[in-house]
Amino acid sequence: MLAWHLWLIAALLLLLLELLGTGFFAFAMGLAALAAMTAALLDAGATLQWFVFAIAAVVLAPLLKRLFRRYAPSRRSSALAGEGRRQQGELVQLPSGEIRLRFEGDLFLVRSESGAALNPGERVTVRCFDGITAVID
């Protein structure tokens, strides 16, 4: 097996590992392994391949982290579900006919504490969360 094969396998494993949510660290390491694979394809020695990997990792890890924070910020403006302050959401109807609460860009199961009818398009106040179900007034 040639060196570039090993770098490619390492890159693919690291890129798959990123799916577990490592915050772009494994993604940066996978890209660095691809850079080292390129060095191996250019007949660089093992020392130079590891040097390329290390330099690429040192450059890519903070760069990707910064880019992610800048261009993909969280849309959530509230703290954890169940916090004390009152929050507003909108009731929407899914194609299946079910009613959900759209709250800060996410859809939640919804239940009315008073048993009132849930009407799509209505703005409601979230009283609390019971697991993943929003309880409204």
Protein backbone atom coordinates (compact mmCIF):
# COMPACT_ATOMS: atom_id res chain seq x y z
CA MET A 1 0.00 0.00 0.00
CA LEU A 2 1.38 3.39 -0.98
CA ALA A 3 1.68 6.31 1.44
CA TRP A 4 -0.99 8.35 -0.29
CA HIS A 5 -3.42 5.45 0.20
CA LEU A 6 -2.86 5.64 3.94
CA TRP A 7 -3.35 9.41 3.97
CA LEU A 8 -6.57 9.04 1.98
CA ILE A 9 -7.90 6.41 4.40
CA ALA A 10 -6.98 8.63 7.36
CA ALA A 11 -8.69 11.62 5.72
CA LEU A 12 -11.89 9.68 5.04
CA LEU A 13 -12.00 8.32 8.59
CA LEU A 14 -11.48 11.79 10.04
CA LEU A 15 -14.15 13.30 7.80
CA LEU A 16 -16.57 10.57 8.89
CA LEU A 17 -15.65 11.22 12.51
CA GLU A 18 -16.74 14.82 12.01
CA LEU A 19 -20.31 13.57 11.65
CA LEU A 20 -20.25 12.86 15.39
CA GLY A 21 -20.00 16.60 15.99
CA THR A 22 -16.40 17.39 16.87
CA GLY A 23 -16.80 21.11 16.11
CA PHE A 24 -14.79 21.07 12.88
CA PHE A 25 -11.68 19.65 14.56
CA ALA A 26 -11.86 16.28 12.80
CA PHE A 27 -12.84 18.05 9.58
CA ALA A 28 -9.69 20.19 9.78
CA MET A 29 -7.58 17.10 10.48
CA GLY A 30 -9.20 15.34 7.51
CA LEU A 31 -8.35 18.25 5.22
CA ALA A 32 -4.82 18.27 6.61
CA ALA A 33 -4.55 14.55 5.81
CA LEU A 34 -5.64 15.35 2.24
CA ALA A 35 -2.86 17.96 2.06
CA ALA A 36 -0.37 15.32 3.26
CA MET A 37 -1.78 12.92 0.67
CA THR A 38 -1.03 15.52 -2.00
CA ALA A 39 2.55 15.74 -0.72
CA ALA A 40 2.80 11.94 -0.91
CA LEU A 41 1.51 12.00 -4.48
CA LEU A 42 4.30 14.46 -5.30
CA ASP A 43 6.84 11.90 -3.99
CA ALA A 44 7.69 13.85 -0.83
CA GLY A 45 9.42 11.93 1.92
CA ALA A 46 7.64 10.77 5.05
CA THR A 47 9.09 13.62 7.13
CA LEU A 48 7.82 16.24 4.69
CA GLN A 49 4.41 14.56 4.55
CA TRP A 50 4.07 14.78 8.35
CA PHE A 51 5.31 18.37 8.26
CA VAL A 52 2.65 19.28 5.65
CA PHE A 53 0.02 17.54 7.79
CA ALA A 54 1.07 19.43 10.93
CA ILE A 55 1.21 22.84 9.25
CA ALA A 56 -2.13 22.32 7.50
CA ALA A 57 -3.74 21.22 10.77
CA VAL A 58 -2.38 24.22 12.67
CA VAL A 59 -3.68 26.60 9.99
CA LEU A 60 -7.01 24.93 9.20
CA ALA A 61 -8.34 24.15 12.69
CA PRO A 62 -8.66 27.75 13.95
CA LEU A 63 -9.56 29.05 10.48
CA LEU A 64 -12.50 26.66 10.08
CA LYS A 65 -13.67 27.33 13.63
CA ARG A 66 -13.64 31.09 13.00
CA LEU A 67 -15.41 30.74 9.64
CA PHE A 68 -18.08 28.52 11.17
CA ARG A 69 -18.78 30.95 14.00
CA ARG A 70 -18.90 33.88 11.59
CA TYR A 71 -21.06 32.46 8.80
CA ALA A 72 -23.21 29.89 10.62
CA PRO A 73 -24.16 31.44 13.94
CA SER A 74 -26.90 29.92 16.03
CA ARG A 75 -30.35 31.37 15.43
CA ARG A 76 -31.32 30.83 19.04
CA SER A 77 -31.60 33.95 21.14
CA SER A 78 -32.96 32.35 24.30
CA ALA A 79 -31.31 30.31 26.98
CA LEU A 80 -32.31 26.74 27.75
CA ALA A 81 -35.86 25.53 27.27
CA GLY A 82 -37.87 25.99 30.43
CA GLU A 83 -36.29 29.29 31.42
CA GLY A 84 -38.27 31.83 33.42
CA ARG A 85 -39.04 34.58 30.89
CA ARG A 86 -42.02 34.38 28.55
CA GLN A 87 -41.31 33.57 24.93
CA GLN A 88 -43.46 33.93 21.82
CA GLY A 89 -44.00 31.42 19.03
CA GLU A 90 -46.32 30.83 16.10
CA LEU A 91 -48.57 27.84 15.54
CA VAL A 92 -48.13 26.22 12.11
CA GLN A 93 -49.90 23.34 10.42
CA LEU A 94 -47.84 20.58 8.82
CA PRO A 95 -48.94 18.97 5.54
CA SER A 96 -50.07 15.98 7.62
CA GLY A 97 -52.53 18.27 9.44
CA GLU A 98 -50.64 18.26 12.74
CA ILE A 99 -50.13 21.55 14.59
CA ARG A 100 -46.62 22.48 15.72
CA LEU A 101 -45.09 25.51 17.42
CA ARG A 102 -42.50 27.42 15.38
CA PHE A 103 -40.15 28.85 17.97
CA GLU A 104 -36.86 30.54 16.98
CA GLY A 105 -36.72 28.64 13.70
CA ASP A 106 -37.46 25.19 15.16
CA LEU A 107 -40.69 23.19 15.28
CA PHE A 108 -41.91 21.72 18.56
CA LEU A 109 -44.80 19.53 19.64
CA VAL A 110 -47.35 21.78 21.34
CA ARG A 111 -50.03 21.39 24.00
CA SER A 112 -52.45 23.96 25.34
CA GLU A 113 -52.59 23.99 29.12
CA SER A 114 -56.20 25.20 29.11
CA GLY A 115 -57.27 22.77 26.39
CA ALA A 116 -58.07 25.62 23.98
CA ALA A 117 -58.12 24.94 20.25
CA LEU A 118 -54.81 25.32 18.42
CA ASN A 119 -55.25 27.56 15.37
CA PRO A 120 -52.51 27.79 12.69
CA GLY A 121 -51.03 31.28 12.31
CA GLU A 122 -51.81 32.27 15.89
CA ARG A 123 -49.05 33.87 18.01
CA VAL A 124 -48.87 32.21 21.42
CA THR A 125 -46.86 32.54 24.60
CA VAL A 126 -44.79 29.54 25.64
CA ARG A 127 -45.43 28.86 29.31
CA CYS A 128 -42.86 26.06 29.72
CA PHE A 129 -41.52 22.90 28.10
CA ASP A 130 -42.51 19.41 29.16
CA GLY A 131 -39.69 17.41 27.60
CA ILE A 132 -39.82 18.35 23.94
CA THR A 133 -43.44 19.53 24.07
CA ALA A 134 -44.12 23.26 24.38
CA VAL A 135 -46.91 24.07 26.83
CA ILE A 136 -48.73 27.24 25.87
CA ASP A 137 -51.22 29.45 27.77
